[in-house]
């Protein structure tokens, strides 16, 4: 039993994907196709731009997707196997779910790039800068955070944006409400509670305008049946029905990323290997902490593939 996973926003950095593109033609082609699809030299931003440039949501989302697809295609080529032969399930954290659907054949690379560019723009525009916030809460469980959130409902929107792992939760919403949760959580045993340097409050009810934009865009796209089941962020369960996969992506904009439950699902299945493709090792770290005796490995740079050659 194997899982293939793809990271979400926050894993971006200048230079990501460059070495892979220089070493493997399969990776180079991915980035060229994304540049063409967007009519934008995204790789110049990725490899020569500033941290601010690559952190812009409209740039970060297609860039991270490109790194994930490129890293997977190199792996697939070196192993000489397709995704059905390499894994039983695939999934991704937030925008990473789009990456998972691309490698599973639900829609094309070019279509995914344009969707994520639109997703990034619409999410950025949904909430005025300075009105929203996100914060990481370390050392408390899901139900306890929900109890604290209930106490600040008069201060504005505050939802659990990411349920990442045991004791690692990200909240999202109006700045005032998020700050109040931070204050209360510190009084209730949370080890750390810090505001995150993000440009918008993702995965909360404030993202409703972006959800409407993506609903319109996704409803105009043909979804194919994936080659392997995709674990949804919204349900934390496997799905192959194109209609449901589409609805899951629409709902995902305003709903919690249920990554802890996704890893619990993998654990219950007895997953032996989890491969993370793309920038960073965040999901690899979560897998190693949550699943005993799993082989979790990330693939990002050419040296990560040496044992495959």
Protein backbone atom coordinates (compact mmCIF):
# COMPACT_ATOMS: atom_id res chain seq x y z
CA UNK A 1 0.00 0.00 0.00
CA UNK A 2 1.51 3.31 -1.13
CA UNK A 3 0.40 6.95 -0.95
CA UNK A 4 1.57 9.77 -3.22
CA UNK A 5 1.13 13.25 -1.72
CA UNK A 6 1.67 16.84 -2.86
CA UNK A 7 2.35 19.93 -0.70
CA UNK A 8 0.31 23.11 -0.39
CA UNK A 9 1.05 26.80 -0.06
CA UNK A 10 3.76 27.68 2.42
CA UNK A 11 6.27 25.29 0.85
CA UNK A 12 7.25 27.74 -1.89
CA UNK A 13 10.78 29.14 -2.12
CA UNK A 14 12.99 30.80 -4.70
CA UNK A 15 14.83 28.24 -6.83
CA UNK A 16 12.34 25.42 -6.38
CA UNK A 17 12.28 23.11 -9.38
CA UNK A 18 15.32 24.68 -11.06
CA UNK A 19 17.81 21.85 -10.45
CA UNK A 20 15.26 19.25 -11.47
CA UNK A 21 14.55 21.15 -14.70
CA UNK A 22 18.27 21.32 -15.48
CA UNK A 23 18.82 17.60 -14.91
CA UNK A 24 15.71 15.99 -16.36
CA UNK A 25 13.91 16.84 -19.64
CA UNK A 26 10.63 15.51 -18.19
CA UNK A 27 10.74 18.27 -15.57
CA UNK A 28 11.81 20.97 -18.02
CA UNK A 29 8.82 20.23 -20.26
CA UNK A 30 6.41 20.63 -17.33
CA UNK A 31 7.62 24.15 -16.56
CA UNK A 32 7.61 25.14 -20.24
CA UNK A 33 4.01 23.97 -20.61
CA UNK A 34 2.94 25.96 -17.54
CA UNK A 35 4.66 29.11 -18.83
CA UNK A 36 2.84 28.68 -22.15
CA UNK A 37 -0.52 27.98 -20.53
CA UNK A 38 -0.30 31.09 -18.32
CA UNK A 39 1.32 33.27 -21.02
CA UNK A 40 3.69 34.22 -18.22
CA UNK A 41 7.35 33.49 -17.50
CA UNK A 42 6.52 31.88 -14.17
CA UNK A 43 9.88 30.09 -14.00
CA UNK A 44 11.68 33.44 -14.05
CA UNK A 45 9.67 34.43 -10.97
CA UNK A 46 10.34 31.04 -9.38
CA UNK A 47 14.07 31.05 -10.02
CA UNK A 48 15.07 34.72 -10.14
CA UNK A 49 12.29 36.60 -8.35
CA UNK A 50 11.98 37.78 -4.77
CA UNK A 51 10.42 35.96 -1.83
CA UNK A 52 7.53 38.41 -2.10
CA UNK A 53 7.01 37.55 -5.77
CA UNK A 54 6.88 33.80 -5.22
CA UNK A 55 4.71 34.18 -2.12
CA UNK A 56 1.96 35.95 -4.06
CA UNK A 57 -0.87 33.44 -4.03
CA UNK A 58 -1.46 33.67 -7.78
CA UNK A 59 2.20 32.76 -8.41
CA UNK A 60 2.74 30.29 -5.57
CA UNK A 61 -0.16 28.01 -6.42
CA UNK A 62 0.70 27.15 -10.06
CA UNK A 63 4.43 27.15 -9.18
CA UNK A 64 4.02 24.57 -6.42
CA UNK A 65 1.78 22.47 -8.63
CA UNK A 66 4.42 22.56 -11.38
CA UNK A 67 7.13 21.40 -8.98
CA UNK A 68 4.92 18.55 -7.80
CA UNK A 69 4.04 17.34 -11.29
CA UNK A 70 7.65 17.66 -12.48
CA UNK A 71 9.02 15.73 -9.49
CA UNK A 72 6.45 12.98 -9.97
CA UNK A 73 7.07 12.66 -13.71
CA UNK A 74 10.80 12.23 -13.13
CA UNK A 75 10.08 9.54 -10.54
CA UNK A 76 7.66 7.79 -12.90
CA UNK A 77 10.21 7.88 -15.73
CA UNK A 78 13.07 6.53 -13.61
CA UNK A 79 10.91 3.75 -12.20
CA UNK A 80 9.37 3.13 -15.63
CA UNK A 81 5.94 2.82 -14.04
CA UNK A 82 2.69 4.80 -14.23
CA UNK A 83 0.79 6.09 -11.23
CA UNK A 84 -1.41 2.98 -11.00
CA UNK A 85 1.72 0.86 -10.65
CA UNK A 86 3.32 3.22 -8.13
CA UNK A 87 0.53 3.99 -5.68
CA UNK A 88 -2.88 2.95 -4.37
CA UNK A 89 -4.03 6.48 -3.50
CA UNK A 90 -3.01 10.07 -4.10
CA UNK A 91 -3.85 13.33 -2.35
CA UNK A 92 -2.55 16.83 -1.74
CA UNK A 93 -2.74 19.57 0.85
CA UNK A 94 -5.08 22.35 -0.35
CA UNK A 95 -3.76 23.34 -3.82
CA UNK A 96 -1.89 20.03 -3.73
CA UNK A 97 -5.22 18.31 -4.38
CA UNK A 98 -5.16 19.92 -7.84
CA UNK A 99 -1.65 18.51 -8.35
CA UNK A 100 -2.89 15.07 -7.34
CA UNK A 101 -5.75 15.29 -9.82
CA UNK A 102 -3.35 16.33 -12.58
CA UNK A 103 -1.01 13.35 -12.15
CA UNK A 104 -4.05 11.06 -11.82
CA UNK A 105 -5.37 12.27 -15.19
CA UNK A 106 -8.49 14.15 -14.02
CA UNK A 107 -7.52 17.21 -16.10
CA UNK A 108 -4.49 18.42 -18.05
CA UNK A 109 -1.41 20.18 -16.73
CA UNK A 110 -2.27 23.28 -18.76
CA UNK A 111 -5.82 23.37 -17.42
CA UNK A 112 -4.59 22.94 -13.86
CA UNK A 113 -2.14 25.83 -14.22
CA UNK A 114 -4.88 28.23 -15.37
CA UNK A 115 -7.24 27.01 -12.64
CA UNK A 116 -4.68 27.59 -9.91
CA UNK A 117 -3.76 31.02 -11.24
CA UNK A 118 -7.45 31.92 -11.06
CA UNK A 119 -7.80 30.27 -7.64
CA UNK A 120 -4.89 32.27 -6.29
CA UNK A 121 -6.20 35.56 -7.67
CA UNK A 122 -9.75 34.99 -6.44
CA UNK A 123 -8.62 33.96 -2.96
CA UNK A 124 -6.41 37.03 -2.70
CA UNK A 125 -9.22 39.33 -3.79
CA UNK A 126 -11.88 37.76 -1.55
CA UNK A 127 -10.77 39.60 1.59
CA UNK A 128 -9.20 43.09 1.84
CA UNK A 129 -5.55 43.06 2.93
CA UNK A 130 -5.33 43.42 6.71
CA UNK A 131 -8.89 42.24 7.39
CA UNK A 132 -8.15 38.54 7.62
CA UNK A 133 -5.52 36.39 9.32
CA UNK A 134 -4.38 32.84 9.93
CA UNK A 135 -2.63 31.44 12.99
CA UNK A 136 -0.94 28.17 13.90
CA UNK A 137 -1.87 26.58 17.22
CA UNK A 138 0.56 23.96 18.50
CA UNK A 139 -0.16 21.53 21.31
CA UNK A 140 -3.96 21.39 21.46
CA UNK A 141 -6.57 19.08 19.96
CA UNK A 142 -9.34 19.77 17.44
CA UNK A 143 -12.28 19.73 19.85
CA UNK A 144 -10.59 22.08 22.33
CA UNK A 145 -9.91 24.62 19.58
CA UNK A 146 -13.54 24.42 18.45
CA UNK A 147 -14.64 25.26 22.00
CA UNK A 148 -12.41 28.35 22.01
CA UNK A 149 -13.63 29.41 18.57
CA UNK A 150 -17.22 29.27 19.82
CA UNK A 151 -16.34 31.89 22.43
CA UNK A 152 -15.23 34.46 19.82
CA UNK A 153 -18.12 34.20 17.36
CA UNK A 154 -19.22 37.76 18.19
CA UNK A 155 -15.78 39.03 17.12
CA UNK A 156 -16.13 37.80 13.54
CA UNK A 157 -15.46 34.70 11.44
CA UNK A 158 -12.96 32.18 12.75
CA UNK A 159 -12.78 28.63 11.37
CA UNK A 160 -10.31 25.78 11.49
CA UNK A 161 -8.56 26.15 8.15
CA UNK A 162 -6.12 23.24 8.41
CA UNK A 163 -6.33 20.27 10.75
CA UNK A 164 -2.81 19.18 9.90
CA UNK A 165 -1.82 16.62 12.52
CA UNK A 166 -2.11 15.72 16.17
CA UNK A 167 -1.56 18.98 18.04
CA UNK A 168 -1.07 21.12 14.92
CA UNK A 169 -4.05 23.21 13.84
CA UNK A 170 -4.32 26.38 11.74
CA UNK A 171 -7.23 28.79 12.27
CA UNK A 172 -8.45 31.29 9.70
CA UNK A 173 -10.83 34.25 9.64
CA UNK A 174 -11.25 37.89 10.65
CA UNK A 175 -8.12 39.34 12.23
CA UNK A 176 -9.92 40.38 15.44
CA UNK A 177 -11.43 36.92 15.96
CA UNK A 178 -8.17 35.12 15.20
CA UNK A 179 -6.25 37.32 17.63
CA UNK A 180 -8.86 36.63 20.30
CA UNK A 181 -8.50 32.86 19.78
CA UNK A 182 -4.73 33.21 20.13
CA UNK A 183 -5.19 35.07 23.41
CA UNK A 184 -7.67 32.54 24.80
CA UNK A 185 -5.68 29.53 23.60
CA UNK A 186 -2.61 30.67 25.49
CA UNK A 187 -4.74 30.68 28.63
CA UNK A 188 -5.93 27.14 27.90
CA UNK A 189 -2.69 25.20 27.52
CA UNK A 190 -1.73 25.72 23.88
CA UNK A 191 2.08 25.48 23.67
CA UNK A 192 2.44 27.99 20.84
CA UNK A 193 0.01 30.28 19.03
CA UNK A 194 1.41 32.49 16.30
CA UNK A 195 0.05 34.58 13.46
CA UNK A 196 1.17 33.31 10.05
CA UNK A 197 2.64 35.57 7.32
CA UNK A 198 -0.12 34.93 4.78
CA UNK A 199 -1.81 37.31 2.37
CA UNK A 200 -5.38 36.07 2.95
CA UNK A 201 -7.39 33.87 5.36
CA UNK A 202 -7.69 30.62 3.39
CA UNK A 203 -10.19 27.81 4.02
CA UNK A 204 -12.77 29.77 5.97
CA UNK A 205 -16.19 31.31 5.31
CA UNK A 206 -14.57 34.61 4.24
CA UNK A 207 -13.46 32.80 1.08
CA UNK A 208 -17.04 32.52 -0.20
CA UNK A 209 -16.41 34.99 -3.10
CA UNK A 210 -13.49 32.82 -4.25
CA UNK A 211 -15.63 29.70 -3.93
CA UNK A 212 -18.17 31.24 -6.33
CA UNK A 213 -15.42 32.07 -8.84
CA UNK A 214 -14.03 28.54 -8.71
CA UNK A 215 -17.48 26.95 -8.91
CA UNK A 216 -18.10 28.80 -12.16
CA UNK A 217 -14.67 27.88 -13.57
CA UNK A 218 -14.76 24.22 -12.51
CA UNK A 219 -18.29 23.68 -13.81
CA UNK A 220 -17.01 24.57 -17.28
CA UNK A 221 -14.34 21.86 -17.22
CA UNK A 222 -14.61 18.19 -18.11
CA UNK A 223 -13.34 15.98 -15.26
CA UNK A 224 -12.03 12.51 -16.13
CA UNK A 225 -12.12 9.47 -13.86
CA UNK A 226 -8.78 9.37 -12.00
CA UNK A 227 -6.40 6.47 -12.56
CA UNK A 228 -6.29 5.91 -8.79
CA UNK A 229 -8.59 7.15 -5.99
CA UNK A 230 -8.01 10.67 -4.68
CA UNK A 231 -8.35 11.40 -0.95
CA UNK A 232 -10.37 14.59 -0.63
CA UNK A 233 -9.37 17.43 1.70
CA UNK A 234 -13.06 18.00 2.43
CA UNK A 235 -14.07 14.42 3.29
CA UNK A 236 -10.72 12.74 4.14
CA UNK A 237 -11.98 9.74 2.16
CA UNK A 238 -11.19 8.27 -1.28
CA UNK A 239 -13.15 9.26 -4.36
CA UNK A 240 -13.15 8.41 -8.08
CA UNK A 241 -16.47 9.88 -9.27
CA UNK A 242 -15.65 12.94 -11.44
CA UNK A 243 -18.82 14.76 -10.34
CA UNK A 244 -17.95 14.38 -6.65
CA UNK A 245 -14.29 15.24 -7.25
CA UNK A 246 -15.39 18.50 -8.86
CA UNK A 247 -17.72 19.36 -5.98
CA UNK A 248 -14.96 18.59 -3.49
CA UNK A 249 -12.67 21.14 -5.16
CA UNK A 250 -15.45 23.74 -5.06
CA UNK A 251 -16.19 23.10 -1.38
CA UNK A 252 -12.49 22.96 -0.50
CA UNK A 253 -12.12 26.76 -0.87
CA UNK A 254 -14.13 27.49 2.31
CA UNK A 255 -13.76 24.19 4.19
CA UNK A 256 -11.18 22.68 6.53
CA UNK A 257 -8.24 20.77 5.07
CA UNK A 258 -8.61 17.49 6.96
CA UNK A 259 -5.02 16.29 6.69
CA UNK A 260 -4.83 14.68 10.13
CA UNK A 261 -7.77 12.45 9.21
CA UNK A 262 -6.20 11.74 5.81
CA UNK A 263 -3.07 10.44 7.52
CA UNK A 264 -5.23 8.50 9.99
CA UNK A 265 -6.96 6.88 7.00
CA UNK A 266 -3.54 5.93 5.61
CA UNK A 267 -2.53 4.52 8.99
CA UNK A 268 -5.68 2.43 9.25
CA UNK A 269 -5.03 1.01 5.78
CA UNK A 270 -1.57 -0.10 6.84
CA UNK A 271 0.21 2.14 4.35
CA UNK A 272 3.87 1.15 3.97
CA UNK A 273 5.24 4.02 1.87
CA UNK A 274 4.34 7.69 1.45
CA UNK A 275 6.13 9.65 -1.27
CA UNK A 276 5.92 13.46 -1.26
CA UNK A 277 6.65 15.20 -4.57
CA UNK A 278 7.49 18.88 -4.91
CA UNK A 279 8.90 21.65 -2.78
CA UNK A 280 9.72 20.94 0.86
CA UNK A 281 9.20 18.07 3.30
CA UNK A 282 6.27 19.26 5.43
CA UNK A 283 3.96 16.35 4.61
CA UNK A 284 6.80 13.85 4.96
CA UNK A 285 7.37 15.13 8.49
CA UNK A 286 3.69 14.81 9.40
CA UNK A 287 3.57 11.26 8.04
CA UNK A 288 6.62 10.23 10.05
CA UNK A 289 5.13 11.67 13.24
CA UNK A 290 1.68 10.14 12.79
CA UNK A 291 2.31 6.73 11.22
CA UNK A 292 4.57 4.22 12.92
CA UNK A 293 6.92 2.17 10.71
CA UNK A 294 6.00 4.03 7.50
CA UNK A 295 8.67 4.84 4.92
CA UNK A 296 8.02 8.51 4.14
CA UNK A 297 10.32 10.15 1.62
CA UNK A 298 10.30 13.45 -0.28
CA UNK A 299 11.44 14.00 -3.87
CA UNK A 300 12.41 17.53 -4.85
CA UNK A 301 16.00 17.72 -6.13
CA UNK A 302 18.13 15.43 -8.36
CA UNK A 303 20.00 13.95 -5.38
CA UNK A 304 16.69 12.63 -4.01
CA UNK A 305 16.51 10.25 -6.99
CA UNK A 306 20.02 8.80 -6.76
CA UNK A 307 18.92 5.48 -5.28
CA UNK A 308 16.48 5.04 -8.19
CA UNK A 309 19.09 5.43 -10.92
